[in-house]
């Protein structure tokens, strides 16, 4: 991968192809740098969200050992008997907690969700997931396996601790977005303090290569944009994530060790009156490493990833941010006001 210096000192280039530029941003100075350093990081992040909608984040404060433990715990969960996982099944969009079996969810662009049933039948998403929400909400319990065995208890402890780490990073990233958009640094604090976020563990099981050869429309996760404000994505080494370029092609977002891919979601784009871009992406079969094109294995390997979907508090009203509309910039509000919870439930209802 290239590492080309950008016009902002806190960023270098991680991906550049077909007019898509995804920067690699060092978040360390935002924690401990000078006010000038902090502002430079904020501008880098906001610029990325306004152009590609994606960035890689390093020095983000979550140790690699913690991420490794979460991946290992996730893999052990998905290795459980199917009956145990089904016993922890997802129930409603309002809850959005629990296990989702392969084939149930079909991701698609918002304007294509009316055809979800057909797409689910012809090219289902080849993934299973476990959804974990904010703990302690009355009537919306997480579906933990802690009653099954000690491993299930460890799973719960591991995921709760990780949820809180990601929640803290989410607040820092929102502070950076605020500074980058000329808002007070803590503008978003009252919008995100509850942590109405979603930790999604993903497993893409092994797939015969002929599945993709026989069906050109088959992918592991369909083209879509995320629903909330920002997503923190932790990838394993296999890859397969692709981001849609301005030319309409899909570009590989190859894993970079010890980084998080952060992308803006539809609700943040709406909140910013479309000054921030929510970019479509998908997951396909992993690319074959250079030099191994003749490898005779007939199966693509498992892929694991962890997505932490960051959202405003469910009860918060989302309306166009100050500075994104008005007579001085000749732009009006593009969207009606809506609570974050209502918006997210409507999107989940369309895909599961």
Protein backbone atom coordinates (compact mmCIF):
# COMPACT_ATOMS: atom_id res chain seq x y z
CA UNK A 1 0.00 0.00 0.00
CA UNK A 2 1.05 3.50 -0.71
CA UNK A 3 2.01 5.91 2.02
CA UNK A 4 1.80 9.25 0.29
CA UNK A 5 1.84 12.44 2.37
CA UNK A 6 -1.37 14.47 2.23
CA UNK A 7 -1.94 18.19 2.69
CA UNK A 8 -2.78 17.58 6.34
CA UNK A 9 0.21 16.37 8.41
CA UNK A 10 -1.75 13.87 10.49
CA UNK A 11 -2.76 11.78 7.45
CA UNK A 12 -1.12 9.58 4.83
CA UNK A 13 -2.75 7.57 2.05
CA UNK A 14 -3.84 3.99 2.70
CA UNK A 15 -5.94 3.39 -0.43
CA UNK A 16 -5.94 5.32 -3.70
CA UNK A 17 -7.68 3.99 -6.79
CA UNK A 18 -10.39 5.11 -9.22
CA UNK A 19 -10.62 8.55 -7.57
CA UNK A 20 -11.20 6.93 -4.16
CA UNK A 21 -8.71 8.10 -1.53
CA UNK A 22 -8.88 6.59 1.95
CA UNK A 23 -6.38 8.13 4.40
CA UNK A 24 -4.53 6.53 7.29
CA UNK A 25 -4.88 8.91 10.24
CA UNK A 26 -2.83 8.89 13.44
CA UNK A 27 -5.28 9.55 16.27
CA UNK A 28 -2.57 9.74 18.94
CA UNK A 29 -2.10 13.53 18.72
CA UNK A 30 -5.81 14.01 19.37
CA UNK A 31 -5.32 12.42 22.79
CA UNK A 32 -2.01 13.97 23.79
CA UNK A 33 -0.90 16.57 21.27
CA UNK A 34 -1.01 20.34 21.30
CA UNK A 35 -4.24 22.18 20.45
CA UNK A 36 -2.81 22.67 16.97
CA UNK A 37 -2.11 18.92 16.64
CA UNK A 38 -5.60 18.12 17.84
CA UNK A 39 -7.16 20.46 15.33
CA UNK A 40 -5.08 18.97 12.49
CA UNK A 41 -6.36 15.49 13.33
CA UNK A 42 -9.92 16.78 13.47
CA UNK A 43 -9.58 18.39 10.04
CA UNK A 44 -8.09 15.16 8.63
CA UNK A 45 -11.02 13.10 9.90
CA UNK A 46 -13.65 15.54 8.69
CA UNK A 47 -11.99 15.85 5.29
CA UNK A 48 -12.03 12.05 4.92
CA UNK A 49 -15.72 11.88 5.83
CA UNK A 50 -16.55 14.64 3.36
CA UNK A 51 -14.69 12.97 0.49
CA UNK A 52 -14.45 9.17 0.66
CA UNK A 53 -16.52 8.63 3.80
CA UNK A 54 -13.84 6.17 5.00
CA UNK A 55 -10.56 6.29 6.89
CA UNK A 56 -8.11 4.01 8.66
CA UNK A 57 -7.33 5.00 12.25
CA UNK A 58 -4.12 4.07 14.07
CA UNK A 59 -2.97 4.83 17.63
CA UNK A 60 -6.63 4.75 18.61
CA UNK A 61 -6.10 3.62 22.19
CA UNK A 62 -7.48 0.05 22.00
CA UNK A 63 -4.55 -2.36 22.52
CA UNK A 64 -3.99 -5.15 19.95
CA UNK A 65 -4.13 -7.70 22.77
CA UNK A 66 -7.67 -6.60 23.60
CA UNK A 67 -8.77 -6.85 19.97
CA UNK A 68 -7.18 -10.32 19.67
CA UNK A 69 -9.05 -11.52 22.74
CA UNK A 70 -12.36 -10.29 21.33
CA UNK A 71 -11.74 -12.02 17.99
CA UNK A 72 -10.87 -15.27 19.77
CA UNK A 73 -13.98 -15.08 21.95
CA UNK A 74 -16.11 -14.34 18.90
CA UNK A 75 -14.72 -17.35 17.02
CA UNK A 76 -15.47 -19.63 19.99
CA UNK A 77 -19.03 -18.33 20.10
CA UNK A 78 -19.67 -19.04 16.43
CA UNK A 79 -18.17 -22.50 16.87
CA UNK A 80 -20.96 -23.41 19.30
CA UNK A 81 -23.65 -25.88 18.22
CA UNK A 82 -26.25 -24.25 16.02
CA UNK A 83 -28.97 -25.09 18.53
CA UNK A 84 -27.21 -23.05 21.23
CA UNK A 85 -26.85 -20.06 18.93
CA UNK A 86 -30.46 -20.30 17.77
CA UNK A 87 -31.49 -20.32 21.43
CA UNK A 88 -30.04 -16.80 21.65
CA UNK A 89 -31.84 -15.63 18.51
CA UNK A 90 -32.51 -12.04 17.42
CA UNK A 91 -36.12 -11.01 17.95
CA UNK A 92 -37.11 -7.45 16.96
CA UNK A 93 -35.65 -4.32 15.34
CA UNK A 94 -36.46 -2.41 18.52
CA UNK A 95 -34.20 -4.70 20.52
CA UNK A 96 -31.61 -5.53 17.83
CA UNK A 97 -29.93 -8.03 20.14
CA UNK A 98 -29.07 -11.68 19.66
CA UNK A 99 -27.93 -14.19 17.07
CA UNK A 100 -28.80 -13.87 13.36
CA UNK A 101 -28.31 -17.04 11.30
CA UNK A 102 -26.76 -17.06 7.84
CA UNK A 103 -29.25 -16.07 5.14
CA UNK A 104 -31.67 -14.13 7.35
CA UNK A 105 -30.30 -10.62 6.78
CA UNK A 106 -29.78 -9.22 3.30
CA UNK A 107 -27.93 -5.93 3.07
CA UNK A 108 -28.81 -3.62 0.18
CA UNK A 109 -28.88 0.09 -0.71
CA UNK A 110 -31.78 1.96 0.89
CA UNK A 111 -33.62 2.48 -2.40
CA UNK A 112 -33.50 -1.25 -3.20
CA UNK A 113 -34.87 -2.64 0.07
CA UNK A 114 -38.30 -3.35 -1.43
CA UNK A 115 -36.70 -6.21 -3.35
CA UNK A 116 -34.98 -7.72 -0.31
CA UNK A 117 -37.03 -10.94 -0.34
CA UNK A 118 -36.06 -11.70 -3.93
CA UNK A 119 -32.40 -10.89 -3.34
CA UNK A 120 -32.38 -13.02 -0.18
CA UNK A 121 -33.57 -15.96 -2.25
CA UNK A 122 -31.18 -15.57 -5.19
CA UNK A 123 -28.00 -14.33 -3.46
CA UNK A 124 -28.28 -14.43 0.34
CA UNK A 125 -25.60 -12.83 2.47
CA UNK A 126 -23.16 -15.56 3.51
CA UNK A 127 -22.65 -14.50 7.11
CA UNK A 128 -23.90 -15.08 10.65
CA UNK A 129 -23.83 -12.39 13.31
CA UNK A 130 -24.23 -11.77 17.01
CA UNK A 131 -25.74 -8.43 17.99
CA UNK A 132 -24.97 -6.82 21.37
CA UNK A 133 -26.57 -3.59 22.53
CA UNK A 134 -26.31 -1.31 25.52
CA UNK A 135 -26.58 -3.38 28.67
CA UNK A 136 -29.27 -2.76 31.27
CA UNK A 137 -32.13 -1.40 29.16
CA UNK A 138 -35.46 -2.53 30.65
CA UNK A 139 -37.29 -4.88 28.33
CA UNK A 140 -34.35 -5.11 25.89
CA UNK A 141 -31.97 -7.70 27.33
CA UNK A 142 -28.85 -8.86 25.56
CA UNK A 143 -28.90 -12.56 24.63
CA UNK A 144 -25.84 -13.77 26.52
CA UNK A 145 -24.60 -17.40 26.63
CA UNK A 146 -23.42 -16.94 30.23
CA UNK A 147 -25.96 -19.47 31.51
CA UNK A 148 -24.50 -22.20 29.28
CA UNK A 149 -20.96 -22.56 30.63
CA UNK A 150 -17.86 -20.72 31.87
CA UNK A 151 -16.87 -19.87 28.31
CA UNK A 152 -20.22 -18.13 27.93
CA UNK A 153 -19.54 -16.13 31.09
CA UNK A 154 -16.13 -15.09 29.74
CA UNK A 155 -17.78 -14.10 26.45
CA UNK A 156 -20.13 -11.75 28.28
CA UNK A 157 -17.34 -10.13 30.32
CA UNK A 158 -15.11 -9.75 27.27
CA UNK A 159 -17.80 -8.16 25.11
CA UNK A 160 -19.08 -5.80 27.82
CA UNK A 161 -15.55 -4.47 28.42
CA UNK A 162 -14.95 -4.07 24.69
CA UNK A 163 -18.30 -2.30 24.24
CA UNK A 164 -17.20 0.32 26.77
CA UNK A 165 -13.80 0.81 25.13
CA UNK A 166 -15.45 1.39 21.77
CA UNK A 167 -18.04 3.70 23.35
CA UNK A 168 -15.22 5.88 24.69
CA UNK A 169 -13.48 5.97 21.31
CA UNK A 170 -16.78 6.88 19.65
CA UNK A 171 -17.10 9.95 21.87
CA UNK A 172 -13.55 11.03 21.00
CA UNK A 173 -14.21 10.65 17.27
CA UNK A 174 -17.40 12.69 17.55
CA UNK A 175 -15.40 15.39 19.34
CA UNK A 176 -12.99 15.40 16.41
CA UNK A 177 -15.87 15.70 13.95
CA UNK A 178 -17.24 18.63 15.96
CA UNK A 179 -13.92 20.49 15.84
CA UNK A 180 -13.51 19.73 12.15
CA UNK A 181 -16.94 21.21 11.43
CA UNK A 182 -16.28 24.38 13.44
CA UNK A 183 -18.53 23.33 16.30
CA UNK A 184 -17.61 23.31 20.00
CA UNK A 185 -15.47 20.26 20.83
CA UNK A 186 -18.09 18.78 23.16
CA UNK A 187 -21.08 19.58 20.95
CA UNK A 188 -21.98 15.92 20.49
CA UNK A 189 -21.48 14.79 24.09
CA UNK A 190 -25.14 15.09 25.04
CA UNK A 191 -26.08 13.16 21.89
CA UNK A 192 -23.86 10.12 22.49
CA UNK A 193 -23.45 9.82 26.28
CA UNK A 194 -25.97 6.97 26.66
CA UNK A 195 -24.14 4.63 24.32
CA UNK A 196 -27.11 3.38 22.27
CA UNK A 197 -24.67 1.57 20.04
CA UNK A 198 -24.49 -1.93 18.60
CA UNK A 199 -21.56 -4.34 18.78
CA UNK A 200 -21.86 -6.77 15.88
CA UNK A 201 -19.70 -9.89 15.74
CA UNK A 202 -19.52 -11.30 12.21
CA UNK A 203 -18.52 -14.71 10.91
CA UNK A 204 -18.37 -15.44 7.20
CA UNK A 205 -18.17 -19.26 7.03
CA UNK A 206 -15.98 -21.10 4.51
CA UNK A 207 -17.52 -21.07 1.03
CA UNK A 208 -16.85 -23.25 -1.99
CA UNK A 209 -15.31 -21.20 -4.78
CA UNK A 210 -17.86 -22.61 -7.22
CA UNK A 211 -20.63 -20.76 -5.34
CA UNK A 212 -19.23 -17.45 -6.61
CA UNK A 213 -18.43 -18.85 -10.07
CA UNK A 214 -21.97 -20.16 -10.54
CA UNK A 215 -23.68 -16.97 -9.32
CA UNK A 216 -22.01 -13.69 -10.37
CA UNK A 217 -24.33 -11.78 -8.00
CA UNK A 218 -23.21 -13.73 -4.95
CA UNK A 219 -21.31 -11.82 -2.25
CA UNK A 220 -20.63 -12.42 1.42
CA UNK A 221 -22.40 -9.18 2.39
CA UNK A 222 -24.37 -7.13 -0.09
CA UNK A 223 -23.65 -3.58 -1.16
CA UNK A 224 -24.97 -1.18 1.45
CA UNK A 225 -24.29 1.91 3.49
CA UNK A 226 -24.32 1.82 7.28
CA UNK A 227 -27.29 3.24 9.15
CA UNK A 228 -25.91 5.21 12.11
CA UNK A 229 -23.37 7.94 12.73
CA UNK A 230 -20.01 6.17 12.41
CA UNK A 231 -18.85 2.56 12.33
CA UNK A 232 -15.67 1.19 13.90
CA UNK A 233 -14.63 -1.88 11.91
CA UNK A 234 -12.00 -4.35 13.07
CA UNK A 235 -10.91 -6.76 10.31
CA UNK A 236 -9.04 -10.04 10.38
CA UNK A 237 -6.19 -10.61 7.95
CA UNK A 238 -8.22 -12.24 5.16
CA UNK A 239 -9.84 -9.16 3.68
CA UNK A 240 -12.81 -8.96 1.36
CA UNK A 241 -14.14 -5.51 2.27
CA UNK A 242 -14.60 -3.28 -0.77
CA UNK A 243 -15.61 0.39 -0.93
CA UNK A 244 -17.48 1.92 -3.86
CA UNK A 245 -15.42 4.52 -5.71
CA UNK A 246 -16.67 7.72 -7.38
CA UNK A 247 -16.30 5.85 -10.69
CA UNK A 248 -18.73 3.16 -9.53
CA UNK A 249 -16.10 0.46 -9.14
CA UNK A 250 -15.37 -1.43 -5.93
CA UNK A 251 -11.93 -0.95 -4.40
CA UNK A 252 -10.31 -3.30 -1.86
CA UNK A 253 -9.97 -1.87 1.65
CA UNK A 254 -7.12 -4.19 2.53
CA UNK A 255 -6.56 -4.86 6.25
CA UNK A 256 -3.76 -2.88 7.92
CA UNK A 257 -2.52 -4.35 11.19
CA UNK A 258 -3.58 -2.58 14.41
CA UNK A 259 -5.85 -0.09 12.65
CA UNK A 260 -9.59 0.43 12.71
CA UNK A 261 -11.53 1.30 9.58
CA UNK A 262 -13.94 4.10 10.44
CA UNK A 263 -16.73 5.09 8.08
CA UNK A 264 -19.58 7.56 8.21
CA UNK A 265 -23.15 6.25 8.19
CA UNK A 266 -26.42 7.45 6.72
CA UNK A 267 -27.63 9.15 9.89
CA UNK A 268 -24.45 11.25 10.15
CA UNK A 269 -24.78 12.19 6.47
CA UNK A 270 -28.37 13.24 7.13
CA UNK A 271 -27.32 15.08 10.31
CA UNK A 272 -24.66 16.97 8.34
CA UNK A 273 -27.14 17.90 5.62
CA UNK A 274 -25.12 15.70 3.23
CA UNK A 275 -21.85 17.56 3.73
CA UNK A 276 -20.53 14.21 5.06
CA UNK A 277 -20.62 11.20 2.76
CA UNK A 278 -21.99 7.76 3.66
CA UNK A 279 -20.33 5.51 1.12
CA UNK A 280 -21.56 2.13 -0.04
CA UNK A 281 -19.44 -0.93 0.58
CA UNK A 282 -19.69 -4.72 0.48
CA UNK A 283 -17.84 -7.90 1.42
CA UNK A 284 -16.80 -10.39 -1.24
CA UNK A 285 -14.66 -13.51 -1.24
CA UNK A 286 -11.13 -12.64 -0.04
CA UNK A 287 -8.56 -11.80 -2.72
CA UNK A 288 -6.04 -14.54 -3.49
CA UNK A 289 -2.56 -13.48 -2.28
CA UNK A 290 0.01 -12.68 -4.95
CA UNK A 291 1.90 -15.77 -6.01
CA UNK A 292 -0.86 -18.16 -4.93
CA UNK A 293 -3.19 -17.73 -7.89
CA UNK A 294 -2.80 -21.40 -8.83
CA UNK A 295 -3.62 -22.63 -5.35
CA UNK A 296 -5.86 -25.66 -5.81
CA UNK A 297 -8.00 -25.25 -2.69
CA UNK A 298 -11.65 -25.30 -3.64
CA UNK A 299 -12.81 -23.30 -0.61
CA UNK A 300 -12.50 -19.71 0.54
CA UNK A 301 -11.59 -19.54 4.26
CA UNK A 302 -13.65 -18.20 7.13
CA UNK A 303 -13.55 -14.47 7.70
CA UNK A 304 -14.22 -12.74 11.01
CA UNK A 305 -14.81 -9.06 11.60
CA UNK A 306 -16.16 -6.89 14.40
CA UNK A 307 -18.29 -3.83 13.72
CA UNK A 308 -19.19 -1.33 16.41
CA UNK A 309 -22.08 0.72 15.06
CA UNK A 310 -22.14 4.12 16.76
CA UNK A 311 -25.44 5.95 17.05
CA UNK A 312 -26.86 9.01 18.76
CA UNK A 313 -28.99 8.37 21.85
CA UNK A 314 -32.28 6.83 20.73
CA UNK A 315 -34.39 9.71 22.07
CA UNK A 316 -32.34 12.49 20.47
CA UNK A 317 -33.85 14.53 17.66
CA UNK A 318 -31.60 14.65 14.62
CA UNK A 319 -31.79 17.87 12.66
CA UNK A 320 -29.33 19.54 10.32
CA UNK A 321 -26.20 20.68 12.13
CA UNK A 322 -25.43 24.38 12.53
CA UNK A 323 -23.35 25.67 9.65
CA UNK A 324 -24.67 23.12 7.12
CA UNK A 325 -27.62 25.19 5.93
CA UNK A 326 -28.74 28.80 5.71
CA UNK A 327 -28.87 31.80 3.43
CA UNK A 328 -25.15 32.47 3.74
CA UNK A 329 -24.30 29.14 2.09
CA UNK A 330 -27.49 29.04 -0.03
CA UNK A 331 -28.43 25.59 1.23
CA UNK A 332 -31.66 24.60 2.93
CA UNK A 333 -32.38 21.67 5.23
CA UNK A 334 -32.71 18.54 3.08
CA UNK A 335 -34.37 16.23 5.59
CA UNK A 336 -37.18 16.29 8.12
CA UNK A 337 -36.22 16.03 11.77
CA UNK A 338 -36.38 12.49 13.20
CA UNK A 339 -35.33 10.78 16.42
CA UNK A 340 -32.30 8.53 16.12
CA UNK A 341 -34.19 5.53 17.47
CA UNK A 342 -37.05 5.84 14.98
CA UNK A 343 -34.65 6.17 12.08
CA UNK A 344 -32.58 3.13 13.03
CA UNK A 345 -35.61 0.91 13.66
CA UNK A 346 -37.00 1.82 10.23
CA UNK A 347 -33.74 0.80 8.55
CA UNK A 348 -33.41 -2.48 10.47
CA UNK A 349 -37.04 -3.38 9.70
CA UNK A 350 -36.28 -3.20 5.98
CA UNK A 351 -33.35 -5.64 6.01
CA UNK A 352 -34.09 -8.36 8.59
